[in-house]
PDB file of N, CA and C in Angstrom:
ATOM      1  N   UNK A   1       0.846  -1.168   0.000  1.00  0.00           N
ATOM      2  CA  UNK A   1       0.000   0.000   0.000  1.00  0.00           C
ATOM      3  C   UNK A   1       0.898   1.239   0.000  1.00  0.00           C
ATOM      4  N   UNK A   2       0.852   2.040  -1.032  1.00  0.00           N
ATOM      5  CA  UNK A   2       1.749   3.196  -1.132  1.00  0.00           C
ATOM      6  C   UNK A   2       1.279   4.369  -0.277  1.00  0.00           C
ATOM      7  N   UNK A   3       2.239   5.162   0.114  1.00  0.00           N
ATOM      8  CA  UNK A   3       1.901   6.467   0.689  1.00  0.00           C
ATOM      9  C   UNK A   3       2.872   7.466   0.109  1.00  0.00           C
ATOM     10  N   UNK A   4       2.427   8.688   0.043  1.00  0.00           N
ATOM     11  CA  UNK A   4       3.211   9.724  -0.612  1.00  0.00           C
ATOM     12  C   UNK A   4       3.615  10.784   0.400  1.00  0.00           C
ATOM     13  N   UNK A   5       4.845  11.230   0.305  1.00  0.00           N
ATOM     14  CA  UNK A   5       5.340  12.308   1.162  1.00  0.00           C
ATOM     15  C   UNK A   5       5.274  13.587   0.345  1.00  0.00           C
ATOM     16  N   UNK A   6       4.536  14.553   0.863  1.00  0.00           N
ATOM     17  CA  UNK A   6       4.377  15.807   0.132  1.00  0.00           C
ATOM     18  C   UNK A   6       5.074  16.958   0.853  1.00  0.00           C
ATOM     19  N   UNK A   7       6.147  16.641   1.502  1.00  0.00           N
ATOM     20  CA  UNK A   7       6.896  17.647   2.251  1.00  0.00           C
ATOM     21  C   UNK A   7       8.328  17.637   1.740  1.00  0.00           C
ATOM     22  N   UNK A   8       8.778  18.783   1.244  1.00  0.00           N
ATOM     23  CA  UNK A   8      10.113  18.881   0.634  1.00  0.00           C
ATOM     24  C   UNK A   8      11.228  18.521   1.621  1.00  0.00           C
ATOM     25  N   UNK A   9      11.120  19.003   2.848  1.00  0.00           N
ATOM     26  CA  UNK A   9      12.173  18.749   3.841  1.00  0.00           C
ATOM     27  C   UNK A   9      12.264  17.252   4.148  1.00  0.00           C
ATOM     28  N   UNK A  10      11.115  16.623   4.336  1.00  0.00           N
ATOM     29  CA  UNK A  10      11.108  15.190   4.628  1.00  0.00           C
ATOM     30  C   UNK A  10      11.675  14.404   3.459  1.00  0.00           C
ATOM     31  N   UNK A  11      11.299  14.780   2.267  1.00  0.00           N
ATOM     32  CA  UNK A  11      11.818  14.113   1.075  1.00  0.00           C
ATOM     33  C   UNK A  11      13.338  14.256   1.008  1.00  0.00           C
ATOM     34  N   UNK A  12      13.828  15.457   1.289  1.00  0.00           N
ATOM     35  CA  UNK A  12      15.273  15.698   1.269  1.00  0.00           C
ATOM     36  C   UNK A  12      15.981  14.847   2.322  1.00  0.00           C
ATOM     37  N   UNK A  13      15.397  14.769   3.524  1.00  0.00           N
ATOM     38  CA  UNK A  13      16.015  13.978   4.602  1.00  0.00           C
ATOM     39  C   UNK A  13      16.040  12.487   4.263  1.00  0.00           C
ATOM     40  N   UNK A  14      14.956  11.985   3.691  1.00  0.00           N
ATOM     41  CA  UNK A  14      14.908  10.568   3.313  1.00  0.00           C
ATOM     42  C   UNK A  14      15.940  10.283   2.228  1.00  0.00           C
ATOM     43  N   UNK A  15      16.055  11.166   1.268  1.00  0.00           N
ATOM     44  CA  UNK A  15      17.056  10.978   0.212  1.00  0.00           C
ATOM     45  C   UNK A  15      18.477  11.040   0.784  1.00  0.00           C
ATOM     46  N   UNK A  16      18.708  11.937   1.728  1.00  0.00           N
ATOM     47  CA  UNK A  16      20.029  12.033   2.353  1.00  0.00           C
ATOM     48  C   UNK A  16      20.364  10.749   3.122  1.00  0.00           C
ATOM     49  N   UNK A  17      19.405  10.237   3.890  1.00  0.00           N
ATOM     50  CA  UNK A  17      19.633   8.984   4.619  1.00  0.00           C
ATOM     51  C   UNK A  17      19.894   7.831   3.656  1.00  0.00           C
ATOM     52  N   UNK A  18      19.108   7.755   2.592  1.00  0.00           N
ATOM     53  CA  UNK A  18      19.294   6.693   1.600  1.00  0.00           C
ATOM     54  C   UNK A  18      20.676   6.785   0.978  1.00  0.00           C
ATOM     55  N   UNK A  19      21.132   7.992   0.687  1.00  0.00           N
ATOM     56  CA  UNK A  19      22.452   8.184   0.092  1.00  0.00           C
ATOM     57  C   UNK A  19      23.559   7.760   1.059  1.00  0.00           C
ATOM     58  N   UNK A  20      23.436   8.168   2.315  1.00  0.00           N
ATOM     59  CA  UNK A  20      24.460   7.821   3.300  1.00  0.00           C
ATOM     60  C   UNK A  20      24.490   6.334   3.604  1.00  0.00           C
ATOM     61  N   UNK A  21      23.346   5.689   3.557  1.00  0.00           N
ATOM     62  CA  UNK A  21      23.275   4.248   3.845  1.00  0.00           C
ATOM     63  C   UNK A  21      23.450   3.381   2.601  1.00  0.00           C
ATOM     64  N   UNK A  22      23.404   4.009   1.436  1.00  0.00           N
ATOM     65  CA  UNK A  22      23.538   3.250   0.195  1.00  0.00           C
ATOM     66  C   UNK A  22      22.362   2.327  -0.043  1.00  0.00           C
ATOM     67  N   UNK A  23      21.150   2.826   0.238  1.00  0.00           N
ATOM     68  CA  UNK A  23      19.961   1.999   0.065  1.00  0.00           C
ATOM     69  C   UNK A  23      18.894   2.793  -0.684  1.00  0.00           C
ATOM     70  N   UNK A  24      17.788   2.156  -0.947  1.00  0.00           N
ATOM     71  CA  UNK A  24      16.687   2.821  -1.631  1.00  0.00           C
ATOM     72  C   UNK A  24      15.855   3.662  -0.670  1.00  0.00           C
ATOM     73  N   UNK A  25      14.938   4.427  -1.234  1.00  0.00           N
ATOM     74  CA  UNK A  25      14.100   5.313  -0.428  1.00  0.00           C
ATOM     75  C   UNK A  25      13.203   4.529   0.535  1.00  0.00           C
ATOM     76  N   UNK A  26      12.632   3.444   0.068  1.00  0.00           N
ATOM     77  CA  UNK A  26      11.752   2.639   0.924  1.00  0.00           C
ATOM     78  C   UNK A  26      12.525   2.080   2.103  1.00  0.00           C
ATOM     79  N   UNK A  27      13.717   1.580   1.850  1.00  0.00           N
ATOM     80  CA  UNK A  27      14.536   1.036   2.929  1.00  0.00           C
ATOM     81  C   UNK A  27      14.958   2.139   3.906  1.00  0.00           C
ATOM     82  N   UNK A  28      15.229   3.336   3.396  1.00  0.00           N
ATOM     83  CA  UNK A  28      15.601   4.453   4.263  1.00  0.00           C
ATOM     84  C   UNK A  28      14.451   4.847   5.179  1.00  0.00           C
ATOM     85  N   UNK A  29      13.238   4.894   4.632  1.00  0.00           N
ATOM     86  CA  UNK A  29      12.062   5.205   5.453  1.00  0.00           C
ATOM     87  C   UNK A  29      11.854   4.106   6.491  1.00  0.00           C
ATOM     88  N   UNK A  30      11.978   2.864   6.069  1.00  0.00           N
ATOM     89  CA  UNK A  30      11.821   1.732   6.982  1.00  0.00           C
ATOM     90  C   UNK A  30      12.845   1.801   8.109  1.00  0.00           C
ATOM     91  N   UNK A  31      14.085   2.074   7.770  1.00  0.00           N
ATOM     92  CA  UNK A  31      15.160   2.177   8.757  1.00  0.00           C
ATOM     93  C   UNK A  31      14.875   3.288   9.767  1.00  0.00           C
ATOM     94  N   UNK A  32      14.496   4.452   9.273  1.00  0.00           N
ATOM     95  CA  UNK A  32      14.245   5.600  10.146  1.00  0.00           C
ATOM     96  C   UNK A  32      13.071   5.331  11.084  1.00  0.00           C
ATOM     97  N   UNK A  33      11.992   4.805  10.553  1.00  0.00           N
ATOM     98  CA  UNK A  33      10.808   4.546  11.373  1.00  0.00           C
ATOM     99  C   UNK A  33      11.088   3.435  12.378  1.00  0.00           C
ATOM    100  N   UNK A  34      11.766   2.391  11.951  1.00  0.00           N
ATOM    101  CA  UNK A  34      12.115   1.288  12.863  1.00  0.00           C
ATOM    102  C   UNK A  34      12.973   1.794  14.014  1.00  0.00           C
ATOM    103  N   UNK A  35      13.975   2.613  13.714  1.00  0.00           N
ATOM    104  CA  UNK A  35      14.846   3.148  14.765  1.00  0.00           C
ATOM    105  C   UNK A  35      14.095   4.057  15.723  1.00  0.00           C
ATOM    106  N   UNK A  36      13.210   4.886  15.219  1.00  0.00           N
ATOM    107  CA  UNK A  36      12.432   5.775  16.090  1.00  0.00           C
ATOM    108  C   UNK A  36      11.479   4.985  16.979  1.00  0.00           C
ATOM    109  N   UNK A  37      10.851   3.951  16.435  1.00  0.00           N
ATOM    110  CA  UNK A  37       9.966   3.120  17.256  1.00  0.00           C
ATOM    111  C   UNK A  37      10.745   2.392  18.344  1.00  0.00           C
ATOM    112  N   UNK A  38      11.937   1.914  18.021  1.00  0.00           N
ATOM    113  CA  UNK A  38      12.780   1.256  19.018  1.00  0.00           C
ATOM    114  C   UNK A  38      13.170   2.223  20.118  1.00  0.00           C
ATOM    115  N   UNK A  39      13.559   3.449  19.725  1.00  0.00           N
ATOM    116  CA  UNK A  39      13.916   4.460  20.722  1.00  0.00           C
ATOM    117  C   UNK A  39      12.740   4.787  21.631  1.00  0.00           C
ATOM    118  N   UNK A  40      11.557   4.889  21.068  1.00  0.00           N
ATOM    119  CA  UNK A  40      10.364   5.192  21.862  1.00  0.00           C
ATOM    120  C   UNK A  40      10.078   4.064  22.856  1.00  0.00           C
ATOM    121  N   UNK A  41      10.274   2.824  22.418  1.00  0.00           N
ATOM    122  CA  UNK A  41      10.047   1.675  23.300  1.00  0.00           C
ATOM    123  C   UNK A  41      11.073   1.606  24.419  1.00  0.00           C
ATOM    124  N   UNK A  42      12.295   2.046  24.146  1.00  0.00           N
ATOM    125  CA  UNK A  42      13.378   1.961  25.130  1.00  0.00           C
ATOM    126  C   UNK A  42      13.410   3.153  26.079  1.00  0.00           C
ATOM    127  N   UNK A  43      12.673   4.190  25.777  1.00  0.00           N
ATOM    128  CA  UNK A  43      12.695   5.399  26.596  1.00  0.00           C
ATOM    129  C   UNK A  43      12.078   5.121  27.964  1.00  0.00           C
ATOM    130  N   UNK A  44      12.799   5.497  28.999  1.00  0.00           N
ATOM    131  CA  UNK A  44      12.332   5.294  30.361  1.00  0.00           C
ATOM    132  C   UNK A  44      11.507   6.505  30.770  1.00  0.00           C
ATOM    133  N   UNK A  45      10.281   6.294  31.255  1.00  0.00           N
ATOM    134  CA  UNK A  45       9.458   7.426  31.673  1.00  0.00           C
ATOM    135  C   UNK A  45      10.122   8.212  32.805  1.00  0.00           C
ATOM    136  N   UNK A  46       9.914   9.530  32.817  1.00  0.00           N
ATOM    137  CA  UNK A  46      10.503  10.395  33.823  1.00  0.00           C
ATOM    138  C   UNK A  46      10.142   9.937  35.232  1.00  0.00           C
ATOM    139  N   UNK A  47       8.924   9.505  35.426  1.00  0.00           N
ATOM    140  CA  UNK A  47       8.486   9.025  36.740  1.00  0.00           C
ATOM    141  C   UNK A  47       9.376   7.880  37.222  1.00  0.00           C
ATOM    142  N   UNK A  48       9.720   6.958  36.322  1.00  0.00           N
ATOM    143  CA  UNK A  48      10.574   5.827  36.692  1.00  0.00           C
ATOM    144  C   UNK A  48      12.005   6.277  36.974  1.00  0.00           C
ATOM    145  N   UNK A  49      12.506   7.256  36.207  1.00  0.00           N
ATOM    146  CA  UNK A  49      13.851   7.776  36.453  1.00  0.00           C
ATOM    147  C   UNK A  49      13.935   8.422  37.832  1.00  0.00           C
ATOM    148  N   UNK A  50      12.921   9.226  38.163  1.00  0.00           N
ATOM    149  CA  UNK A  50      12.903   9.896  39.466  1.00  0.00           C
ATOM    150  C   UNK A  50      12.784   8.875  40.583  1.00  0.00           C
ATOM    151  N   UNK A  51      11.959   7.850  40.394  1.00  0.00           N
ATOM    152  CA  UNK A  51      11.797   6.818  41.418  1.00  0.00           C
ATOM    153  C   UNK A  51      13.119   6.108  41.683  1.00  0.00           C
ATOM    154  N   UNK A  52      13.880   5.836  40.640  1.00  0.00           N
ATOM    155  CA  UNK A  52      15.178   5.175  40.807  1.00  0.00           C
ATOM    156  C   UNK A  52      16.152   6.069  41.570  1.00  0.00           C
ATOM    157  N   UNK A  53      16.184   7.351  41.242  1.00  0.00           N
ATOM    158  CA  UNK A  53      17.065   8.288  41.957  1.00  0.00           C
ATOM    159  C   UNK A  53      16.650   8.422  43.418  1.00  0.00           C
ATOM    160  N   UNK A  54      15.352   8.510  43.661  1.00  0.00           N
ATOM    161  CA  UNK A  54      14.843   8.635  45.030  1.00  0.00           C
ATOM    162  C   UNK A  54      15.214   7.398  45.845  1.00  0.00           C
ATOM    163  N   UNK A  55      15.049   6.226  45.256  1.00  0.00           N
ATOM    164  CA  UNK A  55      15.390   4.989  45.962  1.00  0.00           C
ATOM    165  C   UNK A  55      16.872   4.946  46.301  1.00  0.00           C
ATOM    166  N   UNK A  56      17.710   5.419  45.390  1.00  0.00           N
ATOM    167  CA  UNK A  56      19.153   5.437  45.641  1.00  0.00           C
ATOM    168  C   UNK A  56      19.496   6.370  46.803  1.00  0.00           C
ATOM    169  N   UNK A  57      18.891   7.540  46.799  1.00  0.00           N
ATOM    170  CA  UNK A  57      19.156   8.502  47.877  1.00  0.00           C
ATOM    171  C   UNK A  57      18.670   7.943  49.217  1.00  0.00           C
ATOM    172  N   UNK A  58      17.487   7.379  49.227  1.00  0.00           N
ATOM    173  CA  UNK A  58      16.924   6.854  50.474  1.00  0.00           C
ATOM    174  C   UNK A  58      17.645   5.599  50.966  1.00  0.00           C
ATOM    175  N   UNK A  59      18.388   4.936  50.094  1.00  0.00           N
ATOM    176  CA  UNK A  59      19.107   3.728  50.506  1.00  0.00           C
ATOM    177  C   UNK A  59      20.350   4.037  51.331  1.00  0.00           C
ATOM    178  N   UNK A  60      20.778   5.278  51.300  1.00  0.00           N
ATOM    179  CA  UNK A  60      21.958   5.673  52.079  1.00  0.00           C
ATOM    180  C   UNK A  60      21.566   5.853  53.541  1.00  0.00           C
ATOM    181  N   UNK A  61      22.434   5.458  54.443  1.00  0.00           N
ATOM    182  CA  UNK A  61      22.083   5.563  55.862  1.00  0.00           C
ATOM    183  C   UNK A  61      22.033   7.018  56.322  1.00  0.00           C
ATOM    184  N   UNK A  62      21.114   7.283  57.230  1.00  0.00           N
ATOM    185  CA  UNK A  62      21.006   8.626  57.804  1.00  0.00           C
ATOM    186  C   UNK A  62      22.207   8.853  58.714  1.00  0.00           C
ATOM    187  N   UNK A  63      22.726  10.069  58.726  1.00  0.00           N
ATOM    188  CA  UNK A  63      23.901  10.373  59.546  1.00  0.00           C
ATOM    189  C   UNK A  63      23.516  10.782  60.957  1.00  0.00           C
ATOM    190  N   UNK A  64      22.276  11.240  61.124  1.00  0.00           N
ATOM    191  CA  UNK A  64      21.859  11.712  62.434  1.00  0.00           C
ATOM    192  C   UNK A  64      22.292  13.139  62.697  1.00  0.00           C
ATOM    193  N   UNK A  65      23.037  13.724  61.777  1.00  0.00           N
ATOM    194  CA  UNK A  65      23.507  15.096  61.948  1.00  0.00           C
ATOM    195  C   UNK A  65      22.457  16.075  61.443  1.00  0.00           C
ATOM    196  N   UNK A  66      22.406  17.240  62.065  1.00  0.00           N
ATOM    197  CA  UNK A  66      21.496  18.282  61.612  1.00  0.00           C
ATOM    198  C   UNK A  66      22.188  19.120  60.547  1.00  0.00           C
ATOM    199  N   UNK A  67      21.397  19.614  59.618  1.00  0.00           N
ATOM    200  CA  UNK A  67      21.942  20.472  58.566  1.00  0.00           C
ATOM    201  C   UNK A  67      22.380  21.799  59.168  1.00  0.00           C
ATOM    202  N   UNK A  68      23.479  22.308  58.680  1.00  0.00           N
ATOM    203  CA  UNK A  68      24.014  23.588  59.142  1.00  0.00           C
ATOM    204  C   UNK A  68      23.476  24.684  58.219  1.00  0.00           C
ATOM    205  N   UNK A  69      22.410  25.378  58.679  1.00  0.00           N
ATOM    206  CA  UNK A  69      21.758  26.374  57.852  1.00  0.00           C
ATOM    207  C   UNK A  69      22.721  27.464  57.398  1.00  0.00           C
ATOM    208  N   UNK A  70      23.576  27.914  58.273  1.00  0.00           N
ATOM    209  CA  UNK A  70      24.523  28.973  57.901  1.00  0.00           C
ATOM    210  C   UNK A  70      25.434  28.522  56.771  1.00  0.00           C
ATOM    211  N   UNK A  71      25.873  27.259  56.817  1.00  0.00           N
ATOM    212  CA  UNK A  71      26.737  26.731  55.760  1.00  0.00           C
ATOM    213  C   UNK A  71      26.003  26.696  54.424  1.00  0.00           C
ATOM    214  N   UNK A  72      24.760  26.188  54.430  1.00  0.00           N
ATOM    215  CA  UNK A  72      24.002  26.112  53.183  1.00  0.00           C
ATOM    216  C   UNK A  72      23.655  27.499  52.654  1.00  0.00           C
ATOM    217  N   UNK A  73      23.384  28.439  53.546  1.00  0.00           N
ATOM    218  CA  UNK A  73      23.149  29.816  53.106  1.00  0.00           C
ATOM    219  C   UNK A  73      24.407  30.385  52.468  1.00  0.00           C
ATOM    220  N   UNK A  74      25.542  30.080  53.055  1.00  0.00           N
ATOM    221  CA  UNK A  74      26.819  30.558  52.515  1.00  0.00           C
ATOM    222  C   UNK A  74      27.056  29.977  51.118  1.00  0.00           C
ATOM    223  N   UNK A  75      26.743  28.682  50.939  1.00  0.00           N
ATOM    224  CA  UNK A  75      26.910  28.045  49.621  1.00  0.00           C
ATOM    225  C   UNK A  75      26.073  28.731  48.549  1.00  0.00           C
ATOM    226  N   UNK A  76      24.899  29.168  48.915  1.00  0.00           N
ATOM    227  CA  UNK A  76      24.014  29.780  47.916  1.00  0.00           C
ATOM    228  C   UNK A  76      24.014  31.301  47.992  1.00  0.00           C
ATOM    229  N   UNK A  77      25.021  31.883  48.619  1.00  0.00           N
ATOM    230  CA  UNK A  77      25.172  33.336  48.720  1.00  0.00           C
ATOM    231  C   UNK A  77      23.950  34.003  49.335  1.00  0.00           C
ATOM    232  N   UNK A  78      23.385  33.370  50.369  1.00  0.00           N
ATOM    233  CA  UNK A  78      22.227  33.941  51.038  1.00  0.00           C
ATOM    234  C   UNK A  78      22.533  34.239  52.504  1.00  0.00           C
ATOM    235  N   UNK A  79      23.742  34.632  52.774  1.00  0.00           N
ATOM    236  CA  UNK A  79      24.134  34.935  54.142  1.00  0.00           C
ATOM    237  C   UNK A  79      23.394  36.162  54.654  1.00  0.00           C
ATOM    238  N   UNK A  80      23.124  36.150  55.957  1.00  0.00           N
ATOM    239  CA  UNK A  80      22.536  37.345  56.584  1.00  0.00           C
ATOM    240  C   UNK A  80      23.568  38.454  56.551  1.00  0.00           C
ATOM    241  N   UNK A  81      23.111  39.638  56.253  1.00  0.00           N
ATOM    242  CA  UNK A  81      24.065  40.751  56.141  1.00  0.00           C
ATOM    243  C   UNK A  81      24.053  41.623  57.350  1.00  0.00           C
TER     244      UNK A  81
END
């Protein structure tokens, strides 16, 4: 079942990919779409990335020490004047 691309930029990009890969236009479109679908499937949702980082931080033992507000203010240039 054919489909037609009526966009000059897309046509140019497909031709460029076909030229660089040494393949036909159909194979270039197939390659590009296959790679994009694979990337979409492999993409980790932001929620899962944050959950992994949170779990890593929470896995560290608590020190029992209190935060030194003056030190943190000094780090962020928010010292009392």
